[in-house]
Amino acid sequence: MMELIFLGTSSMVPTKERNHTSLLVRCKNYDILIDCGEGTQ
């Protein structure tokens, strides 16, 4: 089973309520970060 977790949904400039765009893909034994914004890593 694959799970998509949105870690941030803002544009390239973060706001107080929303961080940079970033997405975590969870699949079996793997976690993959996609489109990691600054401070997400």
Protein backbone atom coordinates (compact mmCIF):
# COMPACT_ATOMS: atom_id res chain seq x y z
CA MET A 1 0.00 0.00 0.00
CA MET A 2 1.25 3.48 -0.86
CA GLU A 3 0.58 6.54 1.30
CA LEU A 4 1.08 10.19 0.27
CA ILE A 5 1.70 12.67 3.08
CA PHE A 6 1.74 16.40 2.33
CA LEU A 7 4.33 18.03 4.61
CA GLY A 8 3.95 21.51 3.16
CA THR A 9 1.51 23.08 0.71
CA SER A 10 2.74 26.64 0.26
CA SER A 11 4.46 28.14 -2.76
CA MET A 12 8.21 28.88 -2.85
CA VAL A 13 7.76 31.51 -0.12
CA PRO A 14 6.60 29.95 3.18
CA THR A 15 4.03 31.65 5.37
CA LYS A 16 3.49 31.48 9.12
CA GLU A 17 0.79 28.81 8.65
CA ARG A 18 2.20 26.86 5.67
CA ASN A 19 5.67 25.53 4.90
CA HIS A 20 7.35 25.05 1.48
CA THR A 21 5.83 22.46 -0.83
CA SER A 22 7.01 18.95 0.04
CA LEU A 23 5.59 15.45 -0.18
CA LEU A 24 6.44 12.19 1.57
CA VAL A 25 5.70 8.94 -0.28
CA ARG A 26 5.47 5.89 1.98
CA CYS A 27 5.55 2.53 0.25
CA LYS A 28 6.29 -0.73 2.08
CA ASN A 29 9.70 -0.21 3.75
CA TYR A 30 10.58 3.05 1.97
CA ASP A 31 10.03 6.73 2.75
CA ILE A 32 10.78 9.05 -0.19
CA LEU A 33 10.76 12.86 0.05
CA ILE A 34 9.69 14.64 -3.15
CA ASP A 35 10.01 18.34 -3.97
CA CYS A 36 11.62 19.09 -0.59
CA GLY A 37 11.50 22.71 0.40
CA GLU A 38 14.14 24.33 2.60
CA GLY A 39 13.96 23.04 6.17
CA THR A 40 12.05 19.87 5.23
CA GLN A 41 15.06 17.55 5.03
